[in-house]
């Protein structure tokens, strides 16, 4: 699902967009209704913490840490 990243805690997970915002998350379980759903609907809600710096000054990246397991 490029360019989204996944974060989770072995109970629930969220899709994170390139801006760092949570674009999709179902809680408290993966089969629950979405809490944040901007991935499918611009008005579906999201969560973000952002900088006051212009977006051109912010760098984002995604990388894999070898020998780590994602639950």
C-alpha atoms as a PDB file:
ATOM      1  CA  UNK A   1       0.000   0.000   0.000  1.00  0.00           C
ATOM      2  CA  UNK A   2       2.728   2.393  -0.971  1.00  0.00           C
ATOM      3  CA  UNK A   3       3.230   5.137   0.211  1.00  0.00           C
ATOM      4  CA  UNK A   4       1.655   4.201   3.555  1.00  0.00           C
ATOM      5  CA  UNK A   5       3.527   2.772   6.526  1.00  0.00           C
ATOM      6  CA  UNK A   6       2.051   0.456   9.136  1.00  0.00           C
ATOM      7  CA  UNK A   7       2.434   0.773  12.902  1.00  0.00           C
ATOM      8  CA  UNK A   8       0.885  -1.568  15.412  1.00  0.00           C
ATOM      9  CA  UNK A   9       1.108  -3.230  18.791  1.00  0.00           C
ATOM     10  CA  UNK A  10       0.038  -6.818  17.957  1.00  0.00           C
ATOM     11  CA  UNK A  11      -3.572  -5.922  18.818  1.00  0.00           C
ATOM     12  CA  UNK A  12      -4.415  -3.096  16.429  1.00  0.00           C
ATOM     13  CA  UNK A  13      -2.616  -1.275  13.625  1.00  0.00           C
ATOM     14  CA  UNK A  14      -2.753   1.999  11.739  1.00  0.00           C
ATOM     15  CA  UNK A  15      -1.755   3.203   8.282  1.00  0.00           C
ATOM     16  CA  UNK A  16       0.447   6.296   8.365  1.00  0.00           C
ATOM     17  CA  UNK A  17       0.647   8.653   5.371  1.00  0.00           C
ATOM     18  CA  UNK A  18       3.742  10.446   4.116  1.00  0.00           C
ATOM     19  CA  UNK A  19       2.814  13.516   6.165  1.00  0.00           C
ATOM     20  CA  UNK A  20       2.944  11.408   9.348  1.00  0.00           C
ATOM     21  CA  UNK A  21      -0.834  11.506   9.821  1.00  0.00           C
ATOM     22  CA  UNK A  22      -2.810   8.425  10.847  1.00  0.00           C
ATOM     23  CA  UNK A  23      -4.943   7.940   7.734  1.00  0.00           C
ATOM     24  CA  UNK A  24      -6.654   4.646   8.676  1.00  0.00           C
ATOM     25  CA  UNK A  25      -7.152   2.954  12.027  1.00  0.00           C
ATOM     26  CA  UNK A  26      -9.785   0.619  13.414  1.00  0.00           C
ATOM     27  CA  UNK A  27     -10.032   0.350  17.197  1.00  0.00           C
ATOM     28  CA  UNK A  28     -10.049  -1.401  19.515  1.00  0.00           C
ATOM     29  CA  UNK A  29      -9.740  -4.374  17.105  1.00  0.00           C
ATOM     30  CA  UNK A  30      -8.765  -4.619  13.427  1.00  0.00           C
ATOM     31  CA  UNK A  31     -12.331  -5.707  12.558  1.00  0.00           C
ATOM     32  CA  UNK A  32     -13.898  -2.713  14.384  1.00  0.00           C
ATOM     33  CA  UNK A  33     -15.266   0.301  12.505  1.00  0.00           C
ATOM     34  CA  UNK A  34     -12.567   2.821  11.543  1.00  0.00           C
ATOM     35  CA  UNK A  35     -11.728   5.598  13.980  1.00  0.00           C
ATOM     36  CA  UNK A  36      -9.731   7.415  11.296  1.00  0.00           C
ATOM     37  CA  UNK A  37     -10.719   6.804   7.667  1.00  0.00           C
ATOM     38  CA  UNK A  38      -9.209   9.517   5.471  1.00  0.00           C
ATOM     39  CA  UNK A  39      -7.580   6.791   3.365  1.00  0.00           C
ATOM     40  CA  UNK A  40     -10.969   6.092   1.742  1.00  0.00           C
ATOM     41  CA  UNK A  41     -12.806   9.382   2.296  1.00  0.00           C
ATOM     42  CA  UNK A  42     -11.283  12.892   2.569  1.00  0.00           C
ATOM     43  CA  UNK A  43     -13.863  13.631   5.288  1.00  0.00           C
ATOM     44  CA  UNK A  44     -13.187  10.334   7.100  1.00  0.00           C
ATOM     45  CA  UNK A  45     -10.976  11.891   9.750  1.00  0.00           C
ATOM     46  CA  UNK A  46      -7.291  11.612  10.601  1.00  0.00           C
ATOM     47  CA  UNK A  47      -4.898  12.267  13.461  1.00  0.00           C
ATOM     48  CA  UNK A  48      -1.700  14.241  13.140  1.00  0.00           C
ATOM     49  CA  UNK A  49       0.837  16.213  15.085  1.00  0.00           C
ATOM     50  CA  UNK A  50       2.515  18.716  12.824  1.00  0.00           C
ATOM     51  CA  UNK A  51       5.296  21.232  12.813  1.00  0.00           C
ATOM     52  CA  UNK A  52       4.932  24.940  12.271  1.00  0.00           C
ATOM     53  CA  UNK A  53       7.772  24.674   9.734  1.00  0.00           C
ATOM     54  CA  UNK A  54       6.815  24.833   6.050  1.00  0.00           C
ATOM     55  CA  UNK A  55       6.247  21.353   4.620  1.00  0.00           C
ATOM     56  CA  UNK A  56       9.236  21.820   2.285  1.00  0.00           C
ATOM     57  CA  UNK A  57      11.498  21.793   5.379  1.00  0.00           C
ATOM     58  CA  UNK A  58      10.241  18.413   6.597  1.00  0.00           C
ATOM     59  CA  UNK A  59      11.744  15.125   5.445  1.00  0.00           C
ATOM     60  CA  UNK A  60       9.938  11.802   5.847  1.00  0.00           C
ATOM     61  CA  UNK A  61      11.167   8.313   5.131  1.00  0.00           C
ATOM     62  CA  UNK A  62      10.249   4.700   5.677  1.00  0.00           C
ATOM     63  CA  UNK A  63      12.804   1.999   6.289  1.00  0.00           C
ATOM     64  CA  UNK A  64      12.975  -1.633   7.290  1.00  0.00           C
ATOM     65  CA  UNK A  65      14.913  -2.736  10.362  1.00  0.00           C
ATOM     66  CA  UNK A  66      16.484  -6.127   9.583  1.00  0.00           C
ATOM     67  CA  UNK A  67      15.589  -9.132  11.736  1.00  0.00           C
ATOM     68  CA  UNK A  68      12.513  -7.459  13.226  1.00  0.00           C
ATOM     69  CA  UNK A  69       9.061  -8.986  13.199  1.00  0.00           C
ATOM     70  CA  UNK A  70       5.930  -6.971  12.577  1.00  0.00           C
ATOM     71  CA  UNK A  71       2.856  -8.316  14.399  1.00  0.00           C
END
